[in-house]
Each structure stands twice: as structure tokens, then as C-alpha cells.
Amino acid sequence: MKRLVIMIAAGLMTTGPAFADKLDGDWCNPQDGKLTINGTLITTPAGNRVKGTYGRHRFDYTAPTGGWNGGKAIVIQQFSDDLMELSAGGGSPAQWKPCDAATS
């Protein structure tokens, strides 16, 4: 019994946040529209194609001057298949959903 309790406790301590499979795809937000991530490339709601630093659940880039969020450092973090957050210039993050889920 003691061994079982130790195994359960060890399992709980190693459990981290649940992430989705990957960040690639179309993401929508009612205020900003749609963005698309495809590996190291993002297409912003304004249509700019920008290269960034891609991780399976995180994407960072600097927005082009004069474009959507112009000149700001953008950080995108995915939390699940149905949620990612985007913060621009260190501001409060905005929530985004997969486009089919955001429109249904």
C-alpha cells in the first residue's frame, strides 16, 4: 500500500500542463481576425508573412513596422487544441481559437 501511495505521488509531481499536438494551423480571434502558422512562417491578420522562432507550442516574432501590431515583439503560446494566447509587446494576452471552433 505504501508503495502505491509513493507511485501515485510521484506521478502527480511529474504531471505538467497539457499541451496540444502542435501550433500549426489557422487561429481566429473576434477582434483581430485570422492568423496562420505554418512551421517558422506566420501570416498575420493584415496578410504579412513573417518568419519567426517556432516551437511546437510557442511562436515568437517581431511584427513588421506599419503592419498588424507593428514593431512589437509577439509571443504566442498554445495551451490546448482549442486555445492559444498571443501577447504583443508584453501586453495582456488575447485568446485565440482554431478558426472552425471560433466561428461555430
PDB file of N, CA and C in Angstrom:
ATOM      1  N   MET A   1       0.818  -1.191   0.000  1.00  0.00           N
ATOM      2  CA  MET A   1       0.000   0.000   0.000  1.00  0.00           C
ATOM      3  C   MET A   1       0.863   1.256   0.000  1.00  0.00           C
ATOM      4  N   LYS A   2       1.912   1.250   0.842  1.00  0.00           N
ATOM      5  CA  LYS A   2       2.814   2.406   0.925  1.00  0.00           C
ATOM      6  C   LYS A   2       3.474   2.665  -0.436  1.00  0.00           C
ATOM      7  N   ARG A   3       3.831   1.576  -1.103  1.00  0.00           N
ATOM      8  CA  ARG A   3       4.466   1.708  -2.421  1.00  0.00           C
ATOM      9  C   ARG A   3       3.497   2.340  -3.430  1.00  0.00           C
ATOM     10  N   LEU A   4       2.235   1.964  -3.381  1.00  0.00           N
ATOM     11  CA  LEU A   4       1.231   2.525  -4.274  1.00  0.00           C
ATOM     12  C   LEU A   4       1.066   4.022  -4.038  1.00  0.00           C
ATOM     13  N   VAL A   5       1.032   4.446  -2.791  1.00  0.00           N
ATOM     14  CA  VAL A   5       0.908   5.864  -2.457  1.00  0.00           C
ATOM     15  C   VAL A   5       2.103   6.633  -2.999  1.00  0.00           C
ATOM     16  N   ILE A   6       3.290   6.089  -2.856  1.00  0.00           N
ATOM     17  CA  ILE A   6       4.505   6.742  -3.372  1.00  0.00           C
ATOM     18  C   ILE A   6       4.453   6.848  -4.893  1.00  0.00           C
ATOM     19  N   MET A   7       3.995   5.807  -5.583  1.00  0.00           N
ATOM     20  CA  MET A   7       3.905   5.843  -7.044  1.00  0.00           C
ATOM     21  C   MET A   7       2.894   6.888  -7.510  1.00  0.00           C
ATOM     22  N   ILE A   8       1.759   6.993  -6.831  1.00  0.00           N
ATOM     23  CA  ILE A   8       0.748   7.988  -7.197  1.00  0.00           C
ATOM     24  C   ILE A   8       1.295   9.390  -6.966  1.00  0.00           C
ATOM     25  N   ALA A   9       1.950   9.607  -5.835  1.00  0.00           N
ATOM     26  CA  ALA A   9       2.518  10.923  -5.525  1.00  0.00           C
ATOM     27  C   ALA A   9       3.580  11.307  -6.556  1.00  0.00           C
ATOM     28  N   ALA A  10       4.420  10.378  -6.942  1.00  0.00           N
ATOM     29  CA  ALA A  10       5.452  10.660  -7.946  1.00  0.00           C
ATOM     30  C   ALA A  10       4.813  11.013  -9.284  1.00  0.00           C
ATOM     31  N   GLY A  11       3.747  10.319  -9.649  1.00  0.00           N
ATOM     32  CA  GLY A  11       3.055  10.622 -10.895  1.00  0.00           C
ATOM     33  C   GLY A  11       2.432  12.002 -10.889  1.00  0.00           C
ATOM     34  N   LEU A  12       1.869  12.403  -9.774  1.00  0.00           N
ATOM     35  CA  LEU A  12       1.271  13.734  -9.673  1.00  0.00           C
ATOM     36  C   LEU A  12       2.322  14.832  -9.740  1.00  0.00           C
ATOM     37  N   MET A  13       3.489  14.601  -9.185  1.00  0.00           N
ATOM     38  CA  MET A  13       4.540  15.619  -9.201  1.00  0.00           C
ATOM     39  C   MET A  13       5.120  15.818 -10.593  1.00  0.00           C
ATOM     40  N   THR A  14       5.073  14.815 -11.443  1.00  0.00           N
ATOM     41  CA  THR A  14       5.663  14.939 -12.773  1.00  0.00           C
ATOM     42  C   THR A  14       4.652  15.385 -13.819  1.00  0.00           C
ATOM     43  N   THR A  15       3.404  15.526 -13.422  1.00  0.00           N
ATOM     44  CA  THR A  15       2.383  15.946 -14.377  1.00  0.00           C
ATOM     45  C   THR A  15       2.481  17.446 -14.603  1.00  0.00           C
ATOM     46  N   GLY A  16       2.706  17.840 -15.854  1.00  0.00           N
ATOM     47  CA  GLY A  16       2.793  19.254 -16.208  1.00  0.00           C
ATOM     48  C   GLY A  16       1.545  19.676 -16.949  1.00  0.00           C
ATOM     49  N   PRO A  17       1.570  20.891 -17.504  1.00  0.00           N
ATOM     50  CA  PRO A  17       0.410  21.338 -18.261  1.00  0.00           C
ATOM     51  C   PRO A  17       0.192  20.484 -19.506  1.00  0.00           C
ATOM     52  N   ALA A  18      -1.046  20.307 -19.882  1.00  0.00           N
ATOM     53  CA  ALA A  18      -1.366  19.527 -21.076  1.00  0.00           C
ATOM     54  C   ALA A  18      -1.311  20.440 -22.295  1.00  0.00           C
ATOM     55  N   PHE A  19      -0.478  20.092 -23.243  1.00  0.00           N
ATOM     56  CA  PHE A  19      -0.362  20.874 -24.468  1.00  0.00           C
ATOM     57  C   PHE A  19      -0.968  20.102 -25.628  1.00  0.00           C
ATOM     58  N   ALA A  20      -1.358  20.833 -26.625  1.00  0.00           N
ATOM     59  CA  ALA A  20      -1.898  20.218 -27.833  1.00  0.00           C
ATOM     60  C   ALA A  20      -0.752  19.650 -28.649  1.00  0.00           C
ATOM     61  N   ASP A  21      -1.102  18.994 -29.733  1.00  0.00           N
ATOM     62  CA  ASP A  21      -0.096  18.351 -30.553  1.00  0.00           C
ATOM     63  C   ASP A  21       0.874  19.349 -31.168  1.00  0.00           C
ATOM     64  N   LYS A  22       0.359  20.420 -31.808  1.00  0.00           N
ATOM     65  CA  LYS A  22       1.239  21.433 -32.388  1.00  0.00           C
ATOM     66  C   LYS A  22       0.459  22.704 -32.684  1.00  0.00           C
ATOM     67  N   LEU A  23       1.189  23.777 -32.873  1.00  0.00           N
ATOM     68  CA  LEU A  23       0.618  25.108 -33.035  1.00  0.00           C
ATOM     69  C   LEU A  23       0.211  25.432 -34.473  1.00  0.00           C
ATOM     70  N   ASP A  24       0.703  24.677 -35.444  1.00  0.00           N
ATOM     71  CA  ASP A  24       0.403  24.956 -36.854  1.00  0.00           C
ATOM     72  C   ASP A  24      -1.097  24.993 -37.123  1.00  0.00           C
ATOM     73  N   GLY A  25      -1.499  25.917 -38.011  1.00  0.00           N
ATOM     74  CA  GLY A  25      -2.888  25.972 -38.427  1.00  0.00           C
ATOM     75  C   GLY A  25      -3.448  27.376 -38.428  1.00  0.00           C
ATOM     76  N   ASP A  26      -4.761  27.451 -38.632  1.00  0.00           N
ATOM     77  CA  ASP A  26      -5.484  28.727 -38.668  1.00  0.00           C
ATOM     78  C   ASP A  26      -6.096  28.993 -37.298  1.00  0.00           C
ATOM     79  N   TRP A  27      -5.831  30.193 -36.760  1.00  0.00           N
ATOM     80  CA  TRP A  27      -6.336  30.617 -35.458  1.00  0.00           C
ATOM     81  C   TRP A  27      -7.125  31.898 -35.631  1.00  0.00           C
ATOM     82  N   CYS A  28      -8.262  32.011 -34.933  1.00  0.00           N
ATOM     83  CA  CYS A  28      -9.133  33.179 -35.070  1.00  0.00           C
ATOM     84  C   CYS A  28      -9.408  33.827 -33.720  1.00  0.00           C
ATOM     85  N   ASN A  29      -9.656  35.125 -33.803  1.00  0.00           N
ATOM     86  CA  ASN A  29      -9.971  35.953 -32.648  1.00  0.00           C
ATOM     87  C   ASN A  29     -10.983  36.979 -33.147  1.00  0.00           C
ATOM     88  N   PRO A  30     -12.115  37.173 -32.452  1.00  0.00           N
ATOM     89  CA  PRO A  30     -13.151  38.074 -32.966  1.00  0.00           C
ATOM     90  C   PRO A  30     -12.684  39.520 -33.184  1.00  0.00           C
ATOM     91  N   GLN A  31     -11.716  39.993 -32.398  1.00  0.00           N
ATOM     92  CA  GLN A  31     -11.237  41.369 -32.555  1.00  0.00           C
ATOM     93  C   GLN A  31     -10.221  41.519 -33.683  1.00  0.00           C
ATOM     94  N   ASP A  32      -9.384  40.504 -33.883  1.00  0.00           N
ATOM     95  CA  ASP A  32      -8.259  40.641 -34.803  1.00  0.00           C
ATOM     96  C   ASP A  32      -8.402  39.879 -36.111  1.00  0.00           C
ATOM     97  N   GLY A  33      -9.236  38.865 -36.156  1.00  0.00           N
ATOM     98  CA  GLY A  33      -9.398  38.098 -37.381  1.00  0.00           C
ATOM     99  C   GLY A  33      -8.685  36.767 -37.331  1.00  0.00           C
ATOM    100  N   LYS A  34      -7.970  36.472 -38.401  1.00  0.00           N
ATOM    101  CA  LYS A  34      -7.348  35.155 -38.574  1.00  0.00           C
ATOM    102  C   LYS A  34      -5.853  35.290 -38.769  1.00  0.00           C
ATOM    103  N   LEU A  35      -5.096  34.368 -38.172  1.00  0.00           N
ATOM    104  CA  LEU A  35      -3.669  34.235 -38.472  1.00  0.00           C
ATOM    105  C   LEU A  35      -3.391  32.770 -38.745  1.00  0.00           C
ATOM    106  N   THR A  36      -2.343  32.524 -39.513  1.00  0.00           N
ATOM    107  CA  THR A  36      -1.988  31.163 -39.878  1.00  0.00           C
ATOM    108  C   THR A  36      -0.528  30.920 -39.547  1.00  0.00           C
ATOM    109  N   ILE A  37      -0.260  29.828 -38.849  1.00  0.00           N
ATOM    110  CA  ILE A  37       1.108  29.430 -38.532  1.00  0.00           C
ATOM    111  C   ILE A  37       1.408  28.156 -39.304  1.00  0.00           C
ATOM    112  N   ASN A  38       2.541  28.174 -40.009  1.00  0.00           N
ATOM    113  CA  ASN A  38       2.995  27.015 -40.776  1.00  0.00           C
ATOM    114  C   ASN A  38       4.498  26.897 -40.566  1.00  0.00           C
ATOM    115  N   GLY A  39       4.882  26.108 -39.564  1.00  0.00           N
ATOM    116  CA  GLY A  39       6.298  25.990 -39.240  1.00  0.00           C
ATOM    117  C   GLY A  39       6.843  27.329 -38.772  1.00  0.00           C
ATOM    118  N   THR A  40       7.910  27.807 -39.405  1.00  0.00           N
ATOM    119  CA  THR A  40       8.533  29.064 -38.985  1.00  0.00           C
ATOM    120  C   THR A  40       7.897  30.291 -39.622  1.00  0.00           C
ATOM    121  N   LEU A  41       6.826  30.111 -40.403  1.00  0.00           N
ATOM    122  CA  LEU A  41       6.157  31.249 -41.043  1.00  0.00           C
ATOM    123  C   LEU A  41       4.784  31.500 -40.443  1.00  0.00           C
ATOM    124  N   ILE A  42       4.475  32.782 -40.271  1.00  0.00           N
ATOM    125  CA  ILE A  42       3.145  33.187 -39.822  1.00  0.00           C
ATOM    126  C   ILE A  42       2.586  34.165 -40.837  1.00  0.00           C
ATOM    127  N   THR A  43       1.306  34.046 -41.110  1.00  0.00           N
ATOM    128  CA  THR A  43       0.591  35.041 -41.903  1.00  0.00           C
ATOM    129  C   THR A  43      -0.325  35.763 -40.930  1.00  0.00           C
ATOM    130  N   THR A  44      -0.097  37.057 -40.757  1.00  0.00           N
ATOM    131  CA  THR A  44      -0.827  37.848 -39.768  1.00  0.00           C
ATOM    132  C   THR A  44      -2.213  38.215 -40.289  1.00  0.00           C
ATOM    133  N   PRO A  45      -3.076  38.718 -39.415  1.00  0.00           N
ATOM    134  CA  PRO A  45      -4.393  39.157 -39.871  1.00  0.00           C
ATOM    135  C   PRO A  45      -4.332  40.227 -40.964  1.00  0.00           C
ATOM    136  N   ALA A  46      -3.241  40.995 -41.022  1.00  0.00           N
ATOM    137  CA  ALA A  46      -3.086  42.019 -42.067  1.00  0.00           C
ATOM    138  C   ALA A  46      -2.507  41.440 -43.355  1.00  0.00           C
ATOM    139  N   GLY A  47      -2.198  40.140 -43.361  1.00  0.00           N
ATOM    140  CA  GLY A  47      -1.673  39.499 -44.558  1.00  0.00           C
ATOM    141  C   GLY A  47      -0.155  39.488 -44.658  1.00  0.00           C
ATOM    142  N   ASN A  48       0.565  40.019 -43.663  1.00  0.00           N
ATOM    143  CA  ASN A  48       2.022  39.969 -43.683  1.00  0.00           C
ATOM    144  C   ASN A  48       2.493  38.541 -43.441  1.00  0.00           C
ATOM    145  N   ARG A  49       3.486  38.112 -44.213  1.00  0.00           N
ATOM    146  CA  ARG A  49       4.132  36.805 -43.979  1.00  0.00           C
ATOM    147  C   ARG A  49       5.468  37.081 -43.324  1.00  0.00           C
ATOM    148  N   VAL A  50       5.642  36.535 -42.129  1.00  0.00           N
ATOM    149  CA  VAL A  50       6.820  36.824 -41.323  1.00  0.00           C
ATOM    150  C   VAL A  50       7.424  35.520 -40.829  1.00  0.00           C
ATOM    151  N   LYS A  51       8.761  35.475 -40.833  1.00  0.00           N
ATOM    152  CA  LYS A  51       9.468  34.322 -40.284  1.00  0.00           C
ATOM    153  C   LYS A  51       9.685  34.556 -38.798  1.00  0.00           C
ATOM    154  N   GLY A  52       9.495  33.504 -38.004  1.00  0.00           N
ATOM    155  CA  GLY A  52       9.669  33.613 -36.565  1.00  0.00           C
ATOM    156  C   GLY A  52      10.371  32.398 -36.010  1.00  0.00           C
ATOM    157  N   THR A  53      10.422  32.334 -34.697  1.00  0.00           N
ATOM    158  CA  THR A  53      11.015  31.199 -33.998  1.00  0.00           C
ATOM    159  C   THR A  53       9.882  30.268 -33.601  1.00  0.00           C
ATOM    160  N   TYR A  54       9.900  29.079 -34.165  1.00  0.00           N
ATOM    161  CA  TYR A  54       8.815  28.119 -33.984  1.00  0.00           C
ATOM    162  C   TYR A  54       9.211  27.049 -32.985  1.00  0.00           C
ATOM    163  N   GLY A  55       8.344  26.829 -32.033  1.00  0.00           N
ATOM    164  CA  GLY A  55       8.418  25.684 -31.142  1.00  0.00           C
ATOM    165  C   GLY A  55       7.092  24.966 -31.267  1.00  0.00           C
ATOM    166  N   ARG A  56       7.026  23.778 -30.838  1.00  0.00           N
ATOM    167  CA  ARG A  56       5.806  23.004 -31.019  1.00  0.00           C
ATOM    168  C   ARG A  56       4.585  23.683 -30.404  1.00  0.00           C
ATOM    169  N   HIS A  57       4.786  24.411 -29.291  1.00  0.00           N
ATOM    170  CA  HIS A  57       3.673  25.066 -28.609  1.00  0.00           C
ATOM    171  C   HIS A  57       3.914  26.552 -28.379  1.00  0.00           C
ATOM    172  N   ARG A  58       4.935  27.115 -29.050  1.00  0.00           N
ATOM    173  CA  ARG A  58       5.273  28.522 -28.861  1.00  0.00           C
ATOM    174  C   ARG A  58       5.820  29.082 -30.174  1.00  0.00           C
ATOM    175  N   PHE A  59       5.484  30.341 -30.439  1.00  0.00           N
ATOM    176  CA  PHE A  59       5.960  31.019 -31.643  1.00  0.00           C
ATOM    177  C   PHE A  59       6.268  32.463 -31.251  1.00  0.00           C
ATOM    178  N   ASP A  60       7.457  32.945 -31.602  1.00  0.00           N
ATOM    179  CA  ASP A  60       7.873  34.322 -31.314  1.00  0.00           C
ATOM    180  C   ASP A  60       8.290  34.988 -32.615  1.00  0.00           C
ATOM    181  N   TYR A  61       7.963  36.268 -32.774  1.00  0.00           N
ATOM    182  CA  TYR A  61       8.447  37.040 -33.915  1.00  0.00           C
ATOM    183  C   TYR A  61       8.291  38.520 -33.621  1.00  0.00           C
ATOM    184  N   THR A  62       8.917  39.336 -34.429  1.00  0.00           N
ATOM    185  CA  THR A  62       8.727  40.783 -34.325  1.00  0.00           C
ATOM    186  C   THR A  62       7.867  41.209 -35.501  1.00  0.00           C
ATOM    187  N   ALA A  63       6.761  41.876 -35.187  1.00  0.00           N
ATOM    188  CA  ALA A  63       5.826  42.307 -36.225  1.00  0.00           C
ATOM    189  C   ALA A  63       6.463  43.394 -37.088  1.00  0.00           C
ATOM    190  N   PRO A  64       6.258  43.338 -38.403  1.00  0.00           N
ATOM    191  CA  PRO A  64       6.822  44.356 -39.286  1.00  0.00           C
ATOM    192  C   PRO A  64       6.262  45.748 -38.962  1.00  0.00           C
ATOM    193  N   THR A  65       7.108  46.745 -39.058  1.00  0.00           N
ATOM    194  CA  THR A  65       6.682  48.121 -38.835  1.00  0.00           C
ATOM    195  C   THR A  65       5.582  48.474 -39.822  1.00  0.00           C
ATOM    196  N   GLY A  66       4.545  49.125 -39.337  1.00  0.00           N
ATOM    197  CA  GLY A  66       3.439  49.526 -40.197  1.00  0.00           C
ATOM    198  C   GLY A  66       2.397  48.450 -40.406  1.00  0.00           C
ATOM    199  N   GLY A  67       2.661  47.228 -39.960  1.00  0.00           N
ATOM    200  CA  GLY A  67       1.684  46.147 -40.109  1.00  0.00           C
ATOM    201  C   GLY A  67       0.894  45.953 -38.834  1.00  0.00           C
ATOM    202  N   TRP A  68       0.224  44.850 -38.731  1.00  0.00           N
ATOM    203  CA  TRP A  68      -0.556  44.484 -37.562  1.00  0.00           C
ATOM    204  C   TRP A  68       0.375  44.375 -36.355  1.00  0.00           C
ATOM    205  N   ASN A  69       0.112  45.115 -35.288  1.00  0.00           N
ATOM    206  CA  ASN A  69       0.970  45.185 -34.095  1.00  0.00           C
ATOM    207  C   ASN A  69       2.383  45.642 -34.437  1.00  0.00           C
ATOM    208  N   GLY A  70       2.501  46.524 -35.410  1.00  0.00           N
ATOM    209  CA  GLY A  70       3.768  46.982 -35.971  1.00  0.00           C
ATOM    210  C   GLY A  70       4.898  47.233 -34.988  1.00  0.00           C
ATOM    211  N   GLY A  71       6.021  46.565 -35.220  1.00  0.00           N
ATOM    212  CA  GLY A  71       7.241  46.744 -34.459  1.00  0.00           C
ATOM    213  C   GLY A  71       7.276  46.066 -33.103  1.00  0.00           C
ATOM    214  N   LYS A  72       6.194  45.435 -32.695  1.00  0.00           N
ATOM    215  CA  LYS A  72       6.140  44.814 -31.363  1.00  0.00           C
ATOM    216  C   LYS A  72       6.654  43.381 -31.397  1.00  0.00           C
ATOM    217  N   ALA A  73       7.219  42.974 -30.257  1.00  0.00           N
ATOM    218  CA  ALA A  73       7.589  41.570 -30.075  1.00  0.00           C
ATOM    219  C   ALA A  73       6.314  40.790 -29.780  1.00  0.00           C
ATOM    220  N   ILE A  74       6.069  39.760 -30.550  1.00  0.00           N
ATOM    221  CA  ILE A  74       4.862  38.938 -30.415  1.00  0.00           C
ATOM    222  C   ILE A  74       5.260  37.582 -29.842  1.00  0.00           C
ATOM    223  N   VAL A  75       4.506  37.140 -28.839  1.00  0.00           N
ATOM    224  CA  VAL A  75       4.714  35.815 -28.254  1.00  0.00           C
ATOM    225  C   VAL A  75       3.379  35.090 -28.290  1.00  0.00           C
ATOM    226  N   ILE A  76       3.398  33.903 -28.877  1.00  0.00           N
ATOM    227  CA  ILE A  76       2.209  33.057 -28.974  1.00  0.00           C
ATOM    228  C   ILE A  76       2.492  31.785 -28.196  1.00  0.00           C
ATOM    229  N   GLN A  77       1.584  31.428 -27.306  1.00  0.00           N
ATOM    230  CA  GLN A  77       1.737  30.218 -26.503  1.00  0.00           C
ATOM    231  C   GLN A  77       0.468  29.392 -26.616  1.00  0.00           C
ATOM    232  N   GLN A  78       0.601  28.143 -27.015  1.00  0.00           N
ATOM    233  CA  GLN A  78      -0.548  27.252 -27.137  1.00  0.00           C
ATOM    234  C   GLN A  78      -0.724  26.462 -25.846  1.00  0.00           C
ATOM    235  N   PHE A  79      -1.970  26.379 -25.371  1.00  0.00           N
ATOM    236  CA  PHE A  79      -2.273  25.670 -24.139  1.00  0.00           C
ATOM    237  C   PHE A  79      -3.054  24.384 -24.366  1.00  0.00           C
ATOM    238  N   SER A  80      -3.787  24.296 -25.466  1.00  0.00           N
ATOM    239  CA  SER A  80      -4.546  23.093 -25.787  1.00  0.00           C
ATOM    240  C   SER A  80      -4.885  23.122 -27.268  1.00  0.00           C
ATOM    241  N   ASP A  81      -5.580  22.090 -27.739  1.00  0.00           N
ATOM    242  CA  ASP A  81      -6.020  22.067 -29.134  1.00  0.00           C
ATOM    243  C   ASP A  81      -6.943  23.238 -29.438  1.00  0.00           C
ATOM    244  N   ASP A  82      -7.605  23.768 -28.395  1.00  0.00           N
ATOM    245  CA  ASP A  82      -8.629  24.790 -28.584  1.00  0.00           C
ATOM    246  C   ASP A  82      -8.272  26.169 -28.051  1.00  0.00           C
ATOM    247  N   LEU A  83      -7.034  26.368 -27.603  1.00  0.00           N
ATOM    248  CA  LEU A  83      -6.688  27.667 -27.027  1.00  0.00           C
ATOM    249  C   LEU A  83      -5.212  28.002 -27.186  1.00  0.00           C
ATOM    250  N   MET A  84      -4.971  29.201 -27.687  1.00  0.00           N
ATOM    251  CA  MET A  84      -3.631  29.780 -27.648  1.00  0.00           C
ATOM    252  C   MET A  84      -3.785  31.238 -27.267  1.00  0.00           C
ATOM    253  N   GLU A  85      -2.723  31.795 -26.695  1.00  0.00           N
ATOM    254  CA  GLU A  85      -2.733  33.199 -26.308  1.00  0.00           C
ATOM    255  C   GLU A  85      -1.615  33.929 -27.031  1.00  0.00           C
ATOM    256  N   LEU A  86      -1.923  35.144 -27.458  1.00  0.00           N
ATOM    257  CA  LEU A  86      -0.963  35.987 -28.167  1.00  0.00           C
ATOM    258  C   LEU A  86      -0.801  37.281 -27.387  1.00  0.00           C
ATOM    259  N   SER A  87       0.443  37.597 -27.033  1.00  0.00           N
ATOM    260  CA  SER A  87       0.700  38.888 -26.393  1.00  0.00           C
ATOM    261  C   SER A  87       1.622  39.694 -27.294  1.00  0.00           C
ATOM    262  N   ALA A  88       1.320  40.982 -27.405  1.00  0.00           N
ATOM    263  CA  ALA A  88       2.072  41.894 -28.263  1.00  0.00           C
ATOM    264  C   ALA A  88       2.761  42.933 -27.396  1.00  0.00           C
ATOM    265  N   GLY A  89       4.086  42.994 -27.487  1.00  0.00           N
ATOM    266  CA  GLY A  89       4.835  43.988 -26.738  1.00  0.00           C
ATOM    267  C   GLY A  89       4.720  43.849 -25.241  1.00  0.00           C
ATOM    268  N   GLY A  90       4.507  42.648 -24.749  1.00  0.00           N
ATOM    269  CA  GLY A  90       4.394  42.422 -23.319  1.00  0.00           C
ATOM    270  C   GLY A  90       3.044  42.771 -22.735  1.00  0.00           C
ATOM    271  N   GLY A  91       2.079  43.123 -23.585  1.00  0.00           N
ATOM    272  CA  GLY A  91       0.733  43.467 -23.113  1.00  0.00           C
ATOM    273  C   GLY A  91      -0.051  42.245 -22.682  1.00  0.00           C
ATOM    274  N   SER A  92      -1.263  42.484 -22.253  1.00  0.00           N
ATOM    275  CA  SER A  92      -2.145  41.389 -21.837  1.00  0.00           C
ATOM    276  C   SER A  92      -2.410  40.455 -23.013  1.00  0.00           C
ATOM    277  N   PRO A  93      -2.361  39.148 -22.775  1.00  0.00           N
ATOM    278  CA  PRO A  93      -2.584  38.219 -23.875  1.00  0.00           C
ATOM    279  C   PRO A  93      -4.038  38.176 -24.329  1.00  0.00           C
ATOM    280  N   ALA A  94      -4.207  38.000 -25.626  1.00  0.00           N
ATOM    281  CA  ALA A  94      -5.533  37.804 -26.221  1.00  0.00           C
ATOM    282  C   ALA A  94      -5.685  36.318 -26.525  1.00  0.00           C
ATOM    283  N   GLN A  95      -6.870  35.800 -26.304  1.00  0.00           N
ATOM    284  CA  GLN A  95      -7.122  34.385 -26.556  1.00  0.00           C
ATOM    285  C   GLN A  95      -7.568  34.163 -27.998  1.00  0.00           C
ATOM    286  N   TRP A  96      -7.046  33.094 -28.580  1.00  0.00           N
ATOM    287  CA  TRP A  96      -7.363  32.696 -29.946  1.00  0.00           C
ATOM    288  C   TRP A  96      -7.809  31.248 -29.936  1.00  0.00           C
ATOM    289  N   LYS A  97      -8.701  30.908 -30.864  1.00  0.00           N
ATOM    290  CA  LYS A  97      -9.193  29.542 -31.004  1.00  0.00           C
ATOM    291  C   LYS A  97      -9.000  29.084 -32.451  1.00  0.00           C
ATOM    292  N   PRO A  98      -8.988  27.776 -32.690  1.00  0.00           N
ATOM    293  CA  PRO A  98      -8.962  27.317 -34.075  1.00  0.00           C
ATOM    294  C   PRO A  98     -10.139  27.944 -34.829  1.00  0.00           C
ATOM    295  N   CYS A  99      -9.934  28.326 -36.051  1.00  0.00           N
ATOM    296  CA  CYS A  99     -10.966  29.073 -36.777  1.00  0.00           C
ATOM    297  C   CYS A  99     -12.290  28.339 -36.858  1.00  0.00           C
ATOM    298  N   ASP A 100     -12.309  27.022 -37.072  1.00  0.00           N
ATOM    299  CA  ASP A 100     -13.588  26.330 -37.156  1.00  0.00           C
ATOM    300  C   ASP A 100     -14.312  26.366 -35.801  1.00  0.00           C
ATOM    301  N   ALA A 101     -13.578  26.333 -34.686  1.00  0.00           N
ATOM    302  CA  ALA A 101     -14.204  26.397 -33.360  1.00  0.00           C
ATOM    303  C   ALA A 101     -14.638  27.826 -33.032  1.00  0.00           C
ATOM    304  N   ALA A 102     -13.901  28.812 -33.505  1.00  0.00           N
ATOM    305  CA  ALA A 102     -14.217  30.218 -33.199  1.00  0.00           C
ATOM    306  C   ALA A 102     -15.459  30.697 -33.925  1.00  0.00           C
ATOM    307  N   THR A 103     -15.758  30.093 -35.074  1.00  0.00           N
ATOM    308  CA  THR A 103     -16.899  30.552 -35.871  1.00  0.00           C
ATOM    309  C   THR A 103     -18.149  29.708 -35.675  1.00  0.00           C
ATOM    310  N   SER A 104     -18.005  28.574 -34.962  1.00  0.00           N
ATOM    311  CA  SER A 104     -19.197  27.726 -34.776  1.00  0.00           C
ATOM    312  C   SER A 104     -19.826  27.958 -33.431  1.00  0.00           C
TER     313      SER A 104
END
